[in-house]
PDB file of N, CA and C in Angstrom:
ATOM      1  N   MET A   1       5.157 -54.645 -21.572  1.00  0.00           N
ATOM      2  CA  MET A   1       4.243 -55.040 -22.620  1.00  0.00           C
ATOM      3  C   MET A   1       3.504 -56.308 -22.149  1.00  0.00           C
ATOM      4  N   ASN A   2       2.179 -56.279 -22.276  1.00  0.00           N
ATOM      5  CA  ASN A   2       1.410 -57.427 -21.806  1.00  0.00           C
ATOM      6  C   ASN A   2       1.357 -58.525 -22.868  1.00  0.00           C
ATOM      7  N   SER A   3       0.830 -59.682 -22.470  1.00  0.00           N
ATOM      8  CA  SER A   3       0.828 -60.840 -23.370  1.00  0.00           C
ATOM      9  C   SER A   3      -0.063 -60.620 -24.595  1.00  0.00           C
ATOM     10  N   ARG A   4      -1.125 -59.822 -24.457  1.00  0.00           N
ATOM     11  CA  ARG A   4      -2.005 -59.553 -25.601  1.00  0.00           C
ATOM     12  C   ARG A   4      -1.254 -58.817 -26.696  1.00  0.00           C
ATOM     13  N   ASN A   5      -0.509 -57.789 -26.315  1.00  0.00           N
ATOM     14  CA  ASN A   5       0.259 -57.023 -27.294  1.00  0.00           C
ATOM     15  C   ASN A   5       1.356 -57.866 -27.935  1.00  0.00           C
ATOM     16  N   LYS A   6       2.027 -58.702 -27.125  1.00  0.00           N
ATOM     17  CA  LYS A   6       3.063 -59.576 -27.669  1.00  0.00           C
ATOM     18  C   LYS A   6       2.468 -60.545 -28.685  1.00  0.00           C
ATOM     19  N   THR A   7       1.297 -61.092 -28.354  1.00  0.00           N
ATOM     20  CA  THR A   7       0.634 -62.025 -29.262  1.00  0.00           C
ATOM     21  C   THR A   7       0.259 -61.341 -30.564  1.00  0.00           C
ATOM     22  N   LEU A   8      -0.264 -60.118 -30.491  1.00  0.00           N
ATOM     23  CA  LEU A   8      -0.630 -59.390 -31.700  1.00  0.00           C
ATOM     24  C   LEU A   8       0.590 -59.061 -32.565  1.00  0.00           C
ATOM     25  N   ILE A   9       1.678 -58.666 -31.944  1.00  0.00           N
ATOM     26  CA  ILE A   9       2.891 -58.335 -32.698  1.00  0.00           C
ATOM     27  C   ILE A   9       3.470 -59.586 -33.354  1.00  0.00           C
ATOM     28  N   ILE A  10       3.575 -60.673 -32.597  1.00  0.00           N
ATOM     29  CA  ILE A  10       4.119 -61.914 -33.143  1.00  0.00           C
ATOM     30  C   ILE A  10       3.215 -62.446 -34.259  1.00  0.00           C
ATOM     31  N   GLY A  11       1.909 -62.405 -34.055  1.00  0.00           N
ATOM     32  CA  GLY A  11       0.978 -62.850 -35.088  1.00  0.00           C
ATOM     33  C   GLY A  11       1.071 -62.011 -36.345  1.00  0.00           C
ATOM     34  N   GLY A  12       1.231 -60.698 -36.178  1.00  0.00           N
ATOM     35  CA  GLY A  12       1.381 -59.809 -37.324  1.00  0.00           C
ATOM     36  C   GLY A  12       2.653 -60.084 -38.103  1.00  0.00           C
ATOM     37  N   LEU A  13       3.746 -60.331 -37.383  1.00  0.00           N
ATOM     38  CA  LEU A  13       5.014 -60.636 -38.048  1.00  0.00           C
ATOM     39  C   LEU A  13       4.939 -61.970 -38.793  1.00  0.00           C
ATOM     40  N   ILE A  14       4.335 -62.967 -38.166  1.00  0.00           N
ATOM     41  CA  ILE A  14       4.199 -64.268 -38.826  1.00  0.00           C
ATOM     42  C   ILE A  14       3.291 -64.154 -40.045  1.00  0.00           C
ATOM     43  N   GLY A  15       2.182 -63.429 -39.912  1.00  0.00           N
ATOM     44  CA  GLY A  15       1.276 -63.238 -41.039  1.00  0.00           C
ATOM     45  C   GLY A  15       1.936 -62.506 -42.193  1.00  0.00           C
ATOM     46  N   SER A  16       2.726 -61.488 -41.869  1.00  0.00           N
ATOM     47  CA  SER A  16       3.448 -60.750 -42.908  1.00  0.00           C
ATOM     48  C   SER A  16       4.454 -61.643 -43.614  1.00  0.00           C
ATOM     49  N   ALA A  17       5.191 -62.432 -42.837  1.00  0.00           N
ATOM     50  CA  ALA A  17       6.184 -63.327 -43.428  1.00  0.00           C
ATOM     51  C   ALA A  17       5.515 -64.356 -44.331  1.00  0.00           C
ATOM     52  N   LEU A  18       4.392 -64.912 -43.892  1.00  0.00           N
ATOM     53  CA  LEU A  18       3.679 -65.890 -44.717  1.00  0.00           C
ATOM     54  C   LEU A  18       3.120 -65.246 -45.984  1.00  0.00           C
ATOM     55  N   GLY A  19       2.637 -64.020 -45.881  1.00  0.00           N
ATOM     56  CA  GLY A  19       2.132 -63.311 -47.048  1.00  0.00           C
ATOM     57  C   GLY A  19       3.228 -63.046 -48.068  1.00  0.00           C
ATOM     58  N   ILE A  20       4.394 -62.634 -47.597  1.00  0.00           N
ATOM     59  CA  ILE A  20       5.528 -62.391 -48.494  1.00  0.00           C
ATOM     60  C   ILE A  20       5.969 -63.697 -49.152  1.00  0.00           C
ATOM     61  N   LEU A  21       6.016 -64.770 -48.377  1.00  0.00           N
ATOM     62  CA  LEU A  21       6.389 -66.078 -48.920  1.00  0.00           C
ATOM     63  C   LEU A  21       5.393 -66.527 -49.992  1.00  0.00           C
ATOM     64  N   ALA A  22       4.104 -66.357 -49.724  1.00  0.00           N
ATOM     65  CA  ALA A  22       3.079 -66.744 -50.701  1.00  0.00           C
ATOM     66  C   ALA A  22       3.205 -65.936 -51.985  1.00  0.00           C
ATOM     67  N   ALA A  23       3.442 -64.636 -51.861  1.00  0.00           N
ATOM     68  CA  ALA A  23       3.602 -63.788 -53.046  1.00  0.00           C
ATOM     69  C   ALA A  23       4.844 -64.181 -53.834  1.00  0.00           C
ATOM     70  N   TRP A  24       5.940 -64.480 -53.142  1.00  0.00           N
ATOM     71  CA  TRP A  24       7.174 -64.887 -53.803  1.00  0.00           C
ATOM     72  C   TRP A  24       6.964 -66.199 -54.562  1.00  0.00           C
ATOM     73  N   LEU A  25       6.291 -67.169 -53.934  1.00  0.00           N
ATOM     74  CA  LEU A  25       6.023 -68.438 -54.603  1.00  0.00           C
ATOM     75  C   LEU A  25       5.135 -68.245 -55.825  1.00  0.00           C
ATOM     76  N   TYR A  26       4.139 -67.378 -55.714  1.00  0.00           N
ATOM     77  CA  TYR A  26       3.237 -67.102 -56.837  1.00  0.00           C
ATOM     78  C   TYR A  26       3.995 -66.483 -58.005  1.00  0.00           C
ATOM     79  N   VAL A  27       4.841 -65.480 -57.714  1.00  0.00           N
ATOM     80  CA  VAL A  27       5.611 -64.812 -58.763  1.00  0.00           C
ATOM     81  C   VAL A  27       6.616 -65.772 -59.389  1.00  0.00           C
ATOM     82  N   ARG A  28       7.259 -66.583 -58.560  1.00  0.00           N
ATOM     83  CA  ARG A  28       8.235 -67.544 -59.080  1.00  0.00           C
ATOM     84  C   ARG A  28       7.570 -68.538 -60.028  1.00  0.00           C
ATOM     85  N   THR A  29       6.411 -69.038 -59.648  1.00  0.00           N
ATOM     86  CA  THR A  29       5.686 -69.976 -60.494  1.00  0.00           C
ATOM     87  C   THR A  29       5.228 -69.303 -61.780  1.00  0.00           C
ATOM     88  N   ALA A  30       4.780 -68.062 -61.692  1.00  0.00           N
ATOM     89  CA  ALA A  30       4.331 -67.333 -62.882  1.00  0.00           C
ATOM     90  C   ALA A  30       5.494 -67.101 -63.844  1.00  0.00           C
ATOM     91  N   ARG A  31       6.677 -66.842 -63.333  1.00  0.00           N
ATOM     92  CA  ARG A  31       7.848 -66.630 -64.192  1.00  0.00           C
ATOM     93  C   ARG A  31       8.249 -67.914 -64.897  1.00  0.00           C
ATOM     94  N   GLU A  32       8.128 -69.052 -64.211  1.00  0.00           N
ATOM     95  CA  GLU A  32       8.479 -70.333 -64.811  1.00  0.00           C
ATOM     96  C   GLU A  32       7.543 -70.674 -65.964  1.00  0.00           C
ATOM     97  N   ASP A  33       6.316 -70.181 -65.908  1.00  0.00           N
ATOM     98  CA  ASP A  33       5.326 -70.465 -66.935  1.00  0.00           C
ATOM     99  C   ASP A  33       5.174 -69.300 -67.912  1.00  0.00           C
ATOM    100  N   GLU A  34       6.242 -68.526 -68.136  1.00  0.00           N
ATOM    101  CA  GLU A  34       6.158 -67.353 -69.008  1.00  0.00           C
ATOM    102  C   GLU A  34       5.864 -67.708 -70.455  1.00  0.00           C
ATOM    103  N   ALA A  35       6.113 -68.956 -70.851  1.00  0.00           N
ATOM    104  CA  ALA A  35       5.842 -69.351 -72.234  1.00  0.00           C
ATOM    105  C   ALA A  35       4.351 -69.250 -72.535  1.00  0.00           C
ATOM    106  N   LYS A  36       3.532 -69.475 -71.524  1.00  0.00           N
ATOM    107  CA  LYS A  36       2.081 -69.351 -71.684  1.00  0.00           C
ATOM    108  C   LYS A  36       1.681 -67.892 -71.493  1.00  0.00           C
ATOM    109  N   PRO A  37       0.681 -67.439 -72.214  1.00  0.00           N
ATOM    110  CA  PRO A  37       0.200 -66.079 -71.944  1.00  0.00           C
ATOM    111  C   PRO A  37      -0.426 -66.020 -70.552  1.00  0.00           C
ATOM    112  N   SER A  38      -0.164 -64.938 -69.838  1.00  0.00           N
ATOM    113  CA  SER A  38      -0.708 -64.833 -68.484  1.00  0.00           C
ATOM    114  C   SER A  38      -2.225 -64.631 -68.540  1.00  0.00           C
ATOM    115  N   GLU A  39      -2.883 -65.332 -67.660  1.00  0.00           N
ATOM    116  CA  GLU A  39      -4.342 -65.274 -67.586  1.00  0.00           C
ATOM    117  C   GLU A  39      -4.741 -64.855 -66.175  1.00  0.00           C
ATOM    118  N   ALA A  40      -5.920 -64.336 -66.062  1.00  0.00           N
ATOM    119  CA  ALA A  40      -6.439 -63.989 -64.740  1.00  0.00           C
ATOM    120  C   ALA A  40      -6.747 -65.274 -63.978  1.00  0.00           C
ATOM    121  N   VAL A  41      -6.658 -65.205 -62.669  1.00  0.00           N
ATOM    122  CA  VAL A  41      -6.980 -66.366 -61.843  1.00  0.00           C
ATOM    123  C   VAL A  41      -8.493 -66.562 -61.891  1.00  0.00           C
ATOM    124  N   PRO A  42      -8.937 -67.778 -62.194  1.00  0.00           N
ATOM    125  CA  PRO A  42     -10.384 -68.013 -62.282  1.00  0.00           C
ATOM    126  C   PRO A  42     -11.085 -67.761 -60.945  1.00  0.00           C
ATOM    127  N   PRO A  43     -12.299 -67.229 -60.980  1.00  0.00           N
ATOM    128  CA  PRO A  43     -13.023 -66.942 -59.732  1.00  0.00           C
ATOM    129  C   PRO A  43     -13.215 -68.174 -58.855  1.00  0.00           C
ATOM    130  N   GLY A  44     -13.399 -69.336 -59.458  1.00  0.00           N
ATOM    131  CA  GLY A  44     -13.577 -70.561 -58.673  1.00  0.00           C
ATOM    132  C   GLY A  44     -12.375 -70.867 -57.797  1.00  0.00           C
ATOM    133  N   LYS A  45     -11.180 -70.656 -58.340  1.00  0.00           N
ATOM    134  CA  LYS A  45      -9.962 -70.896 -57.555  1.00  0.00           C
ATOM    135  C   LYS A  45      -9.836 -69.882 -56.425  1.00  0.00           C
ATOM    136  N   MET A  46     -10.236 -68.644 -56.700  1.00  0.00           N
ATOM    137  CA  MET A  46     -10.171 -67.618 -55.657  1.00  0.00           C
ATOM    138  C   MET A  46     -11.148 -67.922 -54.525  1.00  0.00           C
ATOM    139  N   VAL A  47     -12.326 -68.435 -54.865  1.00  0.00           N
ATOM    140  CA  VAL A  47     -13.309 -68.809 -53.841  1.00  0.00           C
ATOM    141  C   VAL A  47     -12.753 -69.948 -52.988  1.00  0.00           C
ATOM    142  N   LYS A  48     -12.150 -70.962 -53.628  1.00  0.00           N
ATOM    143  CA  LYS A  48     -11.556 -72.074 -52.878  1.00  0.00           C
ATOM    144  C   LYS A  48     -10.460 -71.578 -51.944  1.00  0.00           C
ATOM    145  N   LEU A  49      -9.627 -70.666 -52.442  1.00  0.00           N
ATOM    146  CA  LEU A  49      -8.557 -70.110 -51.623  1.00  0.00           C
ATOM    147  C   LEU A  49      -9.127 -69.346 -50.430  1.00  0.00           C
ATOM    148  N   GLY A  50     -10.144 -68.534 -50.668  1.00  0.00           N
ATOM    149  CA  GLY A  50     -10.773 -67.781 -49.586  1.00  0.00           C
ATOM    150  C   GLY A  50     -11.377 -68.684 -48.528  1.00  0.00           C
ATOM    151  N   LEU A  51     -12.038 -69.750 -48.958  1.00  0.00           N
ATOM    152  CA  LEU A  51     -12.622 -70.695 -47.997  1.00  0.00           C
ATOM    153  C   LEU A  51     -11.541 -71.419 -47.204  1.00  0.00           C
ATOM    154  N   SER A  52     -10.444 -71.748 -47.855  1.00  0.00           N
ATOM    155  CA  SER A  52      -9.339 -72.397 -47.154  1.00  0.00           C
ATOM    156  C   SER A  52      -8.750 -71.477 -46.095  1.00  0.00           C
ATOM    157  N   ILE A  53      -8.594 -70.210 -46.431  1.00  0.00           N
ATOM    158  CA  ILE A  53      -8.064 -69.241 -45.466  1.00  0.00           C
ATOM    159  C   ILE A  53      -9.019 -69.088 -44.288  1.00  0.00           C
ATOM    160  N   MET A  54     -10.319 -69.044 -44.576  1.00  0.00           N
ATOM    161  CA  MET A  54     -11.299 -68.931 -43.485  1.00  0.00           C
ATOM    162  C   MET A  54     -11.252 -70.159 -42.582  1.00  0.00           C
ATOM    163  N   GLU A  55     -11.031 -71.342 -43.137  1.00  0.00           N
ATOM    164  CA  GLU A  55     -10.935 -72.561 -42.331  1.00  0.00           C
ATOM    165  C   GLU A  55      -9.706 -72.520 -41.428  1.00  0.00           C
ATOM    166  N   VAL A  56      -8.589 -72.042 -41.951  1.00  0.00           N
ATOM    167  CA  VAL A  56      -7.385 -71.923 -41.119  1.00  0.00           C
ATOM    168  C   VAL A  56      -7.627 -70.936 -39.980  1.00  0.00           C
ATOM    169  N   LEU A  57      -8.277 -69.812 -40.272  1.00  0.00           N
ATOM    170  CA  LEU A  57      -8.579 -68.837 -39.215  1.00  0.00           C
ATOM    171  C   LEU A  57      -9.525 -69.415 -38.174  1.00  0.00           C
ATOM    172  N   ARG A  58     -10.487 -70.233 -38.611  1.00  0.00           N
ATOM    173  CA  ARG A  58     -11.392 -70.884 -37.667  1.00  0.00           C
ATOM    174  C   ARG A  58     -10.619 -71.827 -36.742  1.00  0.00           C
ATOM    175  N   GLN A  59      -9.659 -72.550 -37.292  1.00  0.00           N
ATOM    176  CA  GLN A  59      -8.859 -73.467 -36.488  1.00  0.00           C
ATOM    177  C   GLN A  59      -7.973 -72.718 -35.504  1.00  0.00           C
ATOM    178  N   VAL A  60      -7.432 -71.574 -35.923  1.00  0.00           N
ATOM    179  CA  VAL A  60      -6.627 -70.771 -35.009  1.00  0.00           C
ATOM    180  C   VAL A  60      -7.497 -70.256 -33.871  1.00  0.00           C
ATOM    181  N   THR A  61      -8.717 -69.832 -34.189  1.00  0.00           N
ATOM    182  CA  THR A  61      -9.645 -69.369 -33.157  1.00  0.00           C
ATOM    183  C   THR A  61      -9.967 -70.487 -32.182  1.00  0.00           C
ATOM    184  N   ALA A  62     -10.127 -71.705 -32.687  1.00  0.00           N
ATOM    185  CA  ALA A  62     -10.435 -72.849 -31.831  1.00  0.00           C
ATOM    186  C   ALA A  62      -9.288 -73.140 -30.866  1.00  0.00           C
ATOM    187  N   LEU A  63      -8.057 -72.840 -31.275  1.00  0.00           N
ATOM    188  CA  LEU A  63      -6.918 -73.043 -30.371  1.00  0.00           C
ATOM    189  C   LEU A  63      -7.044 -72.163 -29.131  1.00  0.00           C
ATOM    190  N   GLY A  64      -7.560 -70.966 -29.307  1.00  0.00           N
ATOM    191  CA  GLY A  64      -7.675 -70.036 -28.191  1.00  0.00           C
ATOM    192  C   GLY A  64      -8.853 -70.312 -27.277  1.00  0.00           C
ATOM    193  N   GLU A  65      -9.813 -71.119 -27.717  1.00  0.00           N
ATOM    194  CA  GLU A  65     -11.000 -71.387 -26.900  1.00  0.00           C
ATOM    195  C   GLU A  65     -10.702 -72.280 -25.711  1.00  0.00           C
ATOM    196  N   GLY A  66      -9.821 -73.235 -25.860  1.00  0.00           N
ATOM    197  CA  GLY A  66      -9.573 -74.192 -24.801  1.00  0.00           C
ATOM    198  C   GLY A  66     -10.679 -75.234 -24.778  1.00  0.00           C
ATOM    199  N   GLU A  67     -10.429 -76.326 -24.070  1.00  0.00           N
ATOM    200  CA  GLU A  67     -11.421 -77.391 -24.019  1.00  0.00           C
ATOM    201  C   GLU A  67     -12.386 -77.141 -22.869  1.00  0.00           C
ATOM    202  N   LYS A  68     -13.661 -77.339 -23.159  1.00  0.00           N
ATOM    203  CA  LYS A  68     -14.675 -77.191 -22.136  1.00  0.00           C
ATOM    204  C   LYS A  68     -14.999 -78.581 -21.602  1.00  0.00           C
ATOM    205  N   GLU A  69     -15.585 -78.619 -20.450  1.00  0.00           N
ATOM    206  CA  GLU A  69     -15.906 -79.884 -19.816  1.00  0.00           C
ATOM    207  C   GLU A  69     -16.810 -80.726 -20.712  1.00  0.00           C
ATOM    208  N   GLY A  70     -16.377 -81.945 -20.994  1.00  0.00           N
ATOM    209  CA  GLY A  70     -17.186 -82.854 -21.791  1.00  0.00           C
ATOM    210  C   GLY A  70     -17.069 -82.657 -23.290  1.00  0.00           C
ATOM    211  N   GLN A  71     -16.241 -81.727 -23.728  1.00  0.00           N
ATOM    212  CA  GLN A  71     -16.091 -81.486 -25.166  1.00  0.00           C
ATOM    213  C   GLN A  71     -14.645 -81.691 -25.569  1.00  0.00           C
ATOM    214  N   LYS A  72     -14.458 -82.287 -26.701  1.00  0.00           N
ATOM    215  CA  LYS A  72     -13.131 -82.454 -27.271  1.00  0.00           C
ATOM    216  C   LYS A  72     -12.985 -81.497 -28.440  1.00  0.00           C
ATOM    217  N   ARG A  73     -11.823 -80.925 -28.588  1.00  0.00           N
ATOM    218  CA  ARG A  73     -11.566 -80.012 -29.689  1.00  0.00           C
ATOM    219  C   ARG A  73     -11.629 -80.774 -31.004  1.00  0.00           C
ATOM    220  N   GLY A  74     -12.243 -80.168 -32.026  1.00  0.00           N
ATOM    221  CA  GLY A  74     -12.296 -80.771 -33.332  1.00  0.00           C
ATOM    222  C   GLY A  74     -13.531 -81.653 -33.563  1.00  0.00           C
ATOM    223  N   ARG A  75     -14.337 -81.843 -32.546  1.00  0.00           N
ATOM    224  CA  ARG A  75     -15.539 -82.644 -32.702  1.00  0.00           C
ATOM    225  C   ARG A  75     -16.744 -81.737 -32.784  1.00  0.00           C
ATOM    226  N   LEU A  76     -17.768 -82.203 -33.454  1.00  0.00           N
ATOM    227  CA  LEU A  76     -19.004 -81.443 -33.548  1.00  0.00           C
ATOM    228  C   LEU A  76     -19.675 -81.383 -32.180  1.00  0.00           C
ATOM    229  N   ARG A  77     -20.232 -80.244 -31.873  1.00  0.00           N
ATOM    230  CA  ARG A  77     -20.919 -80.075 -30.590  1.00  0.00           C
ATOM    231  C   ARG A  77     -22.336 -80.599 -30.683  1.00  0.00           C
ATOM    232  N   LYS A  78     -22.763 -81.255 -29.625  1.00  0.00           N
ATOM    233  CA  LYS A  78     -24.165 -81.707 -29.567  1.00  0.00           C
ATOM    234  C   LYS A  78     -25.033 -80.564 -29.107  1.00  0.00           C
ATOM    235  N   ARG A  79     -26.190 -80.459 -29.720  1.00  0.00           N
ATOM    236  CA  ARG A  79     -27.106 -79.383 -29.334  1.00  0.00           C
ATOM    237  C   ARG A  79     -28.243 -79.910 -28.536  1.00  0.00           C
TER     238      ARG A  79
END
């Protein structure tokens, strides 16, 4: 098995574990607040969550790029 396949399998397992953990935390919190009537998650919160996830994915992608000559990771590129 080559390194690409190993990376995909490990990434998939980690992503699955994080997804299960997030769902468990969400359900646990919802059960603790059962006294309140359950409401739908507001669209604004979902947009914030989606943007946060996209930022994490962007940072993971940046890890794979490596540093180029004269550029530091995490800094804005000059055009």
